[in-house]
């Protein structure tokens, strides 16, 4: 009996070794040879945070591929602006992707930090548009305050929008995906969910939480053998003209890790989504940074941060946010200027 168990374990370990080796081979192959992109024309795609930033750009990219767009945002005016932009770029798609004559764009004002709002809006989408195929969780906020200067309400808001909202939207749309074994869930996180820096504790915590949620759900779908439901995790570096505008690492090394253009970031992410890549870090240097974080002692990481100027890279951004808040309070007459 013991001999039989030993042989079984040895055989399973050999099979495991082959599977791991094959995974490395396929990963290396995909690194150099991109698989063909799947078509999303006519598929229903929900994009949260579509009023601006990366959410708007994701909406544009899906519109170019003739997807049926369901755009969510808390700001109605910005949402309508995105809808107008999407309708203008609809004709940029290749003719062989055309499955609908006119752009199909549906806008919904929704506060994704409030689960009641998410569930109610999701029910409207199911009733008015139908079953969704792609869910892009791209809504995000940042408080721009040091921990001890940040009101509790802003910390809660950051956690709700950047992390908890992923739970609500997924719970709203995943059941139908499971029923038909088809769908794609995209989590737009951040490199700051893989490694952190000083001054934005709430943001880093929220992105770490979103990544943990995404990875756990990915394992759950694999365990349930729901292979028709795909998951893609998007972890970009600091985005130029984004919410962290003005953040910089040490100027001597900044050319090696420049802020990303948002259009480039989204195009890279779209390639990963359409080729069903499980994870995309932009730029690829972020894979190396993440690897070093897992093997180096903490003090070694601190030393590297200080050399790169990454330990205080957010401080100019935080100072700018603080100045903006003070100026706003002054204009509103809530602060006395000496």
Protein backbone atom coordinates (compact mmCIF):
# COMPACT_ATOMS: atom_id res chain seq x y z
CA UNK A 1 0.00 0.00 0.00
CA UNK A 2 2.80 2.40 0.92
CA UNK A 3 4.68 1.48 -2.25
CA UNK A 4 1.56 2.11 -4.34
CA UNK A 5 1.00 5.54 -2.75
CA UNK A 6 4.65 6.42 -3.32
CA UNK A 7 4.44 5.47 -6.99
CA UNK A 8 1.25 7.52 -7.39
CA UNK A 9 2.85 10.59 -5.83
CA UNK A 10 5.94 10.13 -8.00
CA UNK A 11 3.82 9.83 -11.13
CA UNK A 12 1.77 12.92 -10.20
CA UNK A 13 4.95 14.88 -9.46
CA UNK A 14 6.39 13.90 -12.84
CA UNK A 15 3.16 15.01 -14.52
CA UNK A 16 3.29 18.27 -12.56
CA UNK A 17 6.87 18.85 -13.71
CA UNK A 18 5.84 18.36 -17.32
CA UNK A 19 2.87 20.74 -16.95
CA UNK A 20 5.02 23.43 -15.32
CA UNK A 21 7.69 23.05 -18.01
CA UNK A 22 5.05 23.23 -20.72
CA UNK A 23 3.59 26.37 -19.12
CA UNK A 24 7.02 28.01 -19.32
CA UNK A 25 7.39 26.98 -22.95
CA UNK A 26 3.97 28.35 -23.90
CA UNK A 27 4.56 31.56 -21.95
CA UNK A 28 7.85 32.10 -23.74
CA UNK A 29 6.19 31.35 -27.06
CA UNK A 30 3.44 33.89 -26.40
CA UNK A 31 6.09 36.45 -25.43
CA UNK A 32 7.50 36.43 -28.97
CA UNK A 33 4.54 35.24 -31.07
CA UNK A 34 1.22 36.88 -30.34
CA UNK A 35 -1.84 34.66 -30.78
CA UNK A 36 -4.69 35.96 -32.90
CA UNK A 37 -7.09 38.42 -31.30
CA UNK A 38 -10.64 37.28 -30.65
CA UNK A 39 -13.55 39.22 -32.10
CA UNK A 40 -15.83 41.21 -29.80
CA UNK A 41 -18.07 42.71 -32.48
CA UNK A 42 -21.66 42.53 -31.33
CA UNK A 43 -20.69 41.44 -27.81
CA UNK A 44 -21.99 43.45 -24.86
CA UNK A 45 -19.20 45.16 -22.90
CA UNK A 46 -19.70 46.98 -19.58
CA UNK A 47 -17.03 49.58 -18.77
CA UNK A 48 -17.06 51.22 -15.33
CA UNK A 49 -15.47 54.62 -14.84
CA UNK A 50 -16.12 55.34 -18.52
CA UNK A 51 -16.48 59.09 -17.97
CA UNK A 52 -12.75 59.69 -18.37
CA UNK A 53 -9.23 58.38 -17.96
CA UNK A 54 -8.51 54.79 -18.88
CA UNK A 55 -12.22 53.90 -18.77
CA UNK A 56 -12.98 56.28 -21.63
CA UNK A 57 -10.07 54.92 -23.66
CA UNK A 58 -11.22 51.33 -23.09
CA UNK A 59 -14.65 52.34 -24.35
CA UNK A 60 -13.08 53.83 -27.47
CA UNK A 61 -11.05 50.69 -28.19
CA UNK A 62 -14.07 48.42 -27.80
CA UNK A 63 -16.10 50.78 -30.00
CA UNK A 64 -13.50 50.47 -32.76
CA UNK A 65 -14.12 46.73 -32.63
CA UNK A 66 -17.90 47.20 -32.85
CA UNK A 67 -18.79 45.97 -29.39
CA UNK A 68 -22.15 46.93 -27.88
CA UNK A 69 -21.10 49.38 -25.18
CA UNK A 70 -22.63 49.78 -21.74
CA UNK A 71 -20.91 52.74 -20.09
CA UNK A 72 -21.08 53.43 -16.35
CA UNK A 73 -19.91 56.50 -14.47
CA UNK A 74 -21.01 58.68 -11.58
CA UNK A 75 -20.72 61.87 -13.68
CA UNK A 76 -23.52 62.13 -16.25
CA UNK A 77 -21.92 64.95 -18.25
CA UNK A 78 -18.60 63.13 -18.68
CA UNK A 79 -20.48 59.94 -19.49
CA UNK A 80 -22.35 61.65 -22.32
CA UNK A 81 -19.08 63.10 -23.60
CA UNK A 82 -17.64 59.60 -23.79
CA UNK A 83 -20.74 58.38 -25.60
CA UNK A 84 -20.30 61.12 -28.23
CA UNK A 85 -16.63 60.20 -28.69
CA UNK A 86 -17.48 56.52 -29.00
CA UNK A 87 -20.06 57.20 -31.71
CA UNK A 88 -17.48 59.20 -33.67
CA UNK A 89 -14.84 56.44 -33.64
CA UNK A 90 -17.31 53.66 -34.43
CA UNK A 91 -16.52 53.93 -38.15
CA UNK A 92 -12.79 53.35 -37.57
CA UNK A 93 -13.30 49.58 -37.38
CA UNK A 94 -12.45 47.37 -40.34
CA UNK A 95 -15.38 46.54 -42.58
CA UNK A 96 -15.03 42.80 -42.00
CA UNK A 97 -15.85 43.32 -38.33
CA UNK A 98 -19.16 45.01 -39.00
CA UNK A 99 -22.08 43.17 -37.41
CA UNK A 100 -24.27 46.13 -36.54
CA UNK A 101 -25.08 49.07 -38.81
CA UNK A 102 -25.25 51.75 -36.12
CA UNK A 103 -23.25 52.23 -32.91
CA UNK A 104 -24.95 50.73 -29.89
CA UNK A 105 -24.03 52.74 -26.81
CA UNK A 106 -25.94 52.67 -23.53
CA UNK A 107 -25.07 55.02 -20.68
CA UNK A 108 -25.94 54.56 -17.02
CA UNK A 109 -25.18 56.85 -14.12
CA UNK A 110 -23.97 54.58 -11.32
CA UNK A 111 -22.01 55.02 -8.10
CA UNK A 112 -20.00 51.80 -8.06
CA UNK A 113 -19.02 52.34 -4.43
CA UNK A 114 -22.63 51.70 -3.43
CA UNK A 115 -23.70 48.10 -3.90
CA UNK A 116 -27.39 49.04 -4.09
CA UNK A 117 -26.60 51.34 -7.02
CA UNK A 118 -24.55 48.62 -8.73
CA UNK A 119 -27.20 45.93 -8.35
CA UNK A 120 -30.01 48.23 -9.48
CA UNK A 121 -28.05 49.42 -12.51
CA UNK A 122 -27.04 45.86 -13.40
CA UNK A 123 -30.69 44.82 -13.33
CA UNK A 124 -31.53 47.66 -15.73
CA UNK A 125 -28.73 46.54 -18.05
CA UNK A 126 -29.99 42.96 -18.09
CA UNK A 127 -33.51 44.18 -18.80
CA UNK A 128 -32.67 46.82 -21.42
CA UNK A 129 -29.56 45.42 -23.12
CA UNK A 130 -29.34 41.73 -22.26
CA UNK A 131 -26.61 39.37 -21.13
CA UNK A 132 -23.15 40.91 -20.98
CA UNK A 133 -20.02 39.28 -22.37
CA UNK A 134 -17.22 41.51 -21.09
CA UNK A 135 -16.91 43.35 -17.77
CA UNK A 136 -14.15 45.95 -17.51
CA UNK A 137 -13.74 47.22 -13.94
CA UNK A 138 -11.78 50.40 -14.57
CA UNK A 139 -13.33 52.90 -12.15
CA UNK A 140 -10.75 54.31 -9.74
CA UNK A 141 -10.07 57.21 -7.38
CA UNK A 142 -7.21 58.47 -5.24
CA UNK A 143 -7.44 60.68 -2.15
CA UNK A 144 -4.06 62.39 -2.60
CA UNK A 145 -3.49 62.67 1.16
CA UNK A 146 -0.93 61.34 3.60
CA UNK A 147 -2.48 58.77 5.93
CA UNK A 148 -2.70 61.03 8.99
CA UNK A 149 -4.07 63.90 6.92
CA UNK A 150 -6.68 61.83 5.10
CA UNK A 151 -10.26 61.94 6.41
CA UNK A 152 -11.76 58.53 7.12
CA UNK A 153 -14.47 59.20 4.54
CA UNK A 154 -11.89 59.51 1.75
CA UNK A 155 -10.14 56.31 2.83
CA UNK A 156 -13.47 54.47 2.76
CA UNK A 157 -14.28 55.95 -0.65
CA UNK A 158 -10.96 54.79 -2.09
CA UNK A 159 -11.49 51.25 -0.80
CA UNK A 160 -15.10 51.16 -2.00
CA UNK A 161 -14.42 52.37 -5.56
CA UNK A 162 -11.06 50.68 -6.17
CA UNK A 163 -11.74 47.36 -4.45
CA UNK A 164 -15.24 46.70 -3.13
CA UNK A 165 -16.88 47.72 -6.41
CA UNK A 166 -15.22 44.74 -8.10
CA UNK A 167 -17.15 42.46 -5.74
CA UNK A 168 -20.48 44.13 -6.49
CA UNK A 169 -20.13 44.25 -10.28
CA UNK A 170 -18.86 40.68 -10.47
CA UNK A 171 -21.64 39.35 -8.23
CA UNK A 172 -24.11 41.15 -10.47
CA UNK A 173 -22.91 39.71 -13.79
CA UNK A 174 -21.00 36.49 -13.03
CA UNK A 175 -24.04 34.21 -12.43
CA UNK A 176 -25.16 34.44 -16.08
CA UNK A 177 -21.57 33.96 -17.25
CA UNK A 178 -21.39 30.78 -15.18
CA UNK A 179 -24.71 29.60 -16.60
CA UNK A 180 -23.52 29.85 -20.21
CA UNK A 181 -19.81 29.29 -19.45
CA UNK A 182 -18.87 32.38 -21.41
CA UNK A 183 -17.53 35.82 -20.50
CA UNK A 184 -14.48 37.90 -19.78
CA UNK A 185 -13.74 39.87 -16.60
CA UNK A 186 -11.05 42.55 -16.73
CA UNK A 187 -9.60 44.01 -13.54
CA UNK A 188 -7.82 47.32 -14.10
CA UNK A 189 -5.51 47.50 -11.10
CA UNK A 190 -2.07 49.10 -10.92
CA UNK A 191 1.60 48.32 -10.46
CA UNK A 192 0.99 49.81 -7.01
CA UNK A 193 -1.08 46.74 -6.27
CA UNK A 194 2.02 44.59 -6.78
CA UNK A 195 4.48 46.79 -4.87
CA UNK A 196 3.89 49.93 -2.86
CA UNK A 197 5.38 53.31 -2.10
CA UNK A 198 5.02 55.95 0.58
CA UNK A 199 2.20 58.42 1.00
CA UNK A 200 -0.71 56.63 -0.71
CA UNK A 201 -1.51 53.89 1.75
CA UNK A 202 -5.22 53.82 0.95
CA UNK A 203 -4.67 53.57 -2.80
CA UNK A 204 -2.06 50.81 -2.51
CA UNK A 205 -4.26 48.84 -0.10
CA UNK A 206 -7.24 49.11 -2.45
CA UNK A 207 -5.24 47.91 -5.45
CA UNK A 208 -3.65 45.06 -3.48
CA UNK A 209 -7.20 44.09 -2.54
CA UNK A 210 -8.42 44.23 -6.14
CA UNK A 211 -5.56 42.01 -7.28
CA UNK A 212 -6.19 39.53 -4.47
CA UNK A 213 -9.86 39.40 -5.43
CA UNK A 214 -9.00 38.87 -9.10
CA UNK A 215 -6.51 36.07 -8.42
CA UNK A 216 -8.82 34.25 -6.02
CA UNK A 217 -11.72 34.44 -8.46
CA UNK A 218 -9.46 33.15 -11.24
CA UNK A 219 -8.60 30.11 -9.13
CA UNK A 220 -12.29 29.58 -8.30
CA UNK A 221 -13.24 29.55 -11.98
CA UNK A 222 -10.44 27.10 -12.74
CA UNK A 223 -11.51 24.85 -9.88
CA UNK A 224 -15.07 24.90 -11.22
CA UNK A 225 -13.70 24.11 -14.73
CA UNK A 226 -15.45 27.15 -16.17
CA UNK A 227 -12.84 27.52 -18.89
CA UNK A 228 -15.12 29.62 -21.06
CA UNK A 229 -14.86 32.54 -18.63
CA UNK A 230 -11.61 34.43 -19.08
CA UNK A 231 -9.86 36.76 -16.63
CA UNK A 232 -7.33 39.50 -17.40
CA UNK A 233 -5.48 41.54 -14.79
CA UNK A 234 -4.15 44.92 -15.97
CA UNK A 235 -1.30 46.46 -13.94
CA UNK A 236 0.09 49.62 -15.56
CA UNK A 237 2.89 51.78 -14.20
CA UNK A 238 2.21 55.46 -13.48
CA UNK A 239 0.15 56.95 -16.28
CA UNK A 240 0.98 60.38 -17.68
CA UNK A 241 -1.98 62.78 -17.53
CA UNK A 242 -3.67 60.37 -15.15
CA UNK A 243 -4.57 60.65 -11.49
CA UNK A 244 -0.89 60.64 -10.47
CA UNK A 245 0.22 63.35 -12.86
CA UNK A 246 3.49 64.93 -11.74
CA UNK A 247 4.91 61.86 -9.98
CA UNK A 248 8.48 61.13 -10.93
CA UNK A 249 11.30 58.88 -9.85
CA UNK A 250 14.93 60.05 -9.78
CA UNK A 251 15.56 62.13 -12.89
CA UNK A 252 18.78 60.31 -13.80
CA UNK A 253 16.93 57.01 -14.12
CA UNK A 254 13.48 58.29 -15.13
CA UNK A 255 14.15 57.63 -18.85
CA UNK A 256 14.24 53.92 -17.97
CA UNK A 257 10.80 54.09 -16.32
CA UNK A 258 8.96 57.04 -17.83
CA UNK A 259 5.26 57.63 -17.09
CA UNK A 260 3.06 55.85 -19.61
CA UNK A 261 0.93 57.54 -22.19
CA UNK A 262 -2.64 56.44 -21.38
CA UNK A 263 -3.36 55.56 -25.02
CA UNK A 264 -0.34 53.23 -25.13
CA UNK A 265 -1.32 51.67 -21.82
CA UNK A 266 -4.85 50.87 -23.00
CA UNK A 267 -3.72 49.55 -26.39
CA UNK A 268 -1.35 47.13 -24.63
CA UNK A 269 -4.14 46.10 -22.28
CA UNK A 270 -6.55 45.57 -25.18
CA UNK A 271 -4.07 43.27 -26.89
CA UNK A 272 -3.85 41.25 -23.67
CA UNK A 273 -7.65 41.11 -23.34
CA UNK A 274 -8.27 40.09 -26.93
CA UNK A 275 -5.59 37.38 -26.79
CA UNK A 276 -6.99 36.21 -23.43
CA UNK A 277 -3.74 36.88 -21.58
CA UNK A 278 -4.19 36.33 -17.81
CA UNK A 279 -2.08 39.33 -16.79
CA UNK A 280 -0.43 42.35 -18.39
CA UNK A 281 2.15 44.60 -16.71
CA UNK A 282 3.11 47.76 -18.58
CA UNK A 283 5.96 48.29 -19.20
CA UNK A 284 7.43 44.79 -19.07
CA UNK A 285 10.05 46.07 -16.61
CA UNK A 286 7.32 45.76 -13.97
CA UNK A 287 7.60 41.97 -14.13
CA UNK A 288 11.23 42.24 -13.07
CA UNK A 289 10.44 44.69 -10.27
CA UNK A 290 7.72 42.38 -8.95
CA UNK A 291 10.08 39.39 -9.07
CA UNK A 292 12.76 41.21 -7.09
CA UNK A 293 10.21 42.21 -4.48
CA UNK A 294 9.45 38.54 -3.79
CA UNK A 295 13.07 37.47 -3.27
CA UNK A 296 14.89 40.47 -1.75
CA UNK A 297 15.03 41.33 1.97
CA UNK A 298 12.91 44.34 2.89
CA UNK A 299 15.94 46.52 3.72
CA UNK A 300 17.38 45.73 0.29
CA UNK A 301 14.12 46.90 -1.28
CA UNK A 302 14.26 50.11 0.77
CA UNK A 303 17.80 50.75 -0.47
CA UNK A 304 16.73 50.23 -4.06
CA UNK A 305 13.73 52.52 -3.60
CA UNK A 306 15.98 55.27 -2.27
CA UNK A 307 18.45 54.86 -5.13
CA UNK A 308 15.65 55.11 -7.69
CA UNK A 309 13.87 57.92 -5.86
CA UNK A 310 10.78 55.72 -5.67
CA UNK A 311 10.46 56.05 -1.89
CA UNK A 312 9.15 59.62 -2.15
CA UNK A 313 8.04 59.74 -5.78
CA UNK A 314 4.46 60.55 -4.73
CA UNK A 315 5.35 63.49 -2.52
CA UNK A 316 5.20 66.16 -5.28
CA UNK A 317 1.77 64.82 -6.25
CA UNK A 318 0.58 64.90 -2.63
CA UNK A 319 1.89 68.45 -2.19
CA UNK A 320 0.05 69.51 -5.34
CA UNK A 321 -3.19 67.92 -4.08
CA UNK A 322 -2.81 69.65 -0.71
CA UNK A 323 -2.24 73.01 -2.39
CA UNK A 324 -5.29 72.48 -4.59
CA UNK A 325 -7.45 71.67 -1.55
CA UNK A 326 -6.18 74.75 0.31
CA UNK A 327 -6.84 76.99 -2.70
CA UNK A 328 -10.34 75.59 -3.04
CA UNK A 329 -11.05 76.16 0.64
CA UNK A 330 -9.75 79.70 0.35
CA UNK A 331 -12.02 80.44 -2.63
CA UNK A 332 -14.98 79.07 -0.72
CA UNK A 333 -14.18 81.24 2.26
CA UNK A 334 -13.57 78.30 4.58
CA UNK A 335 -9.94 79.15 5.28
CA UNK A 336 -8.49 82.35 6.65
CA UNK A 337 -5.45 83.62 4.75
CA UNK A 338 -2.91 85.44 6.88
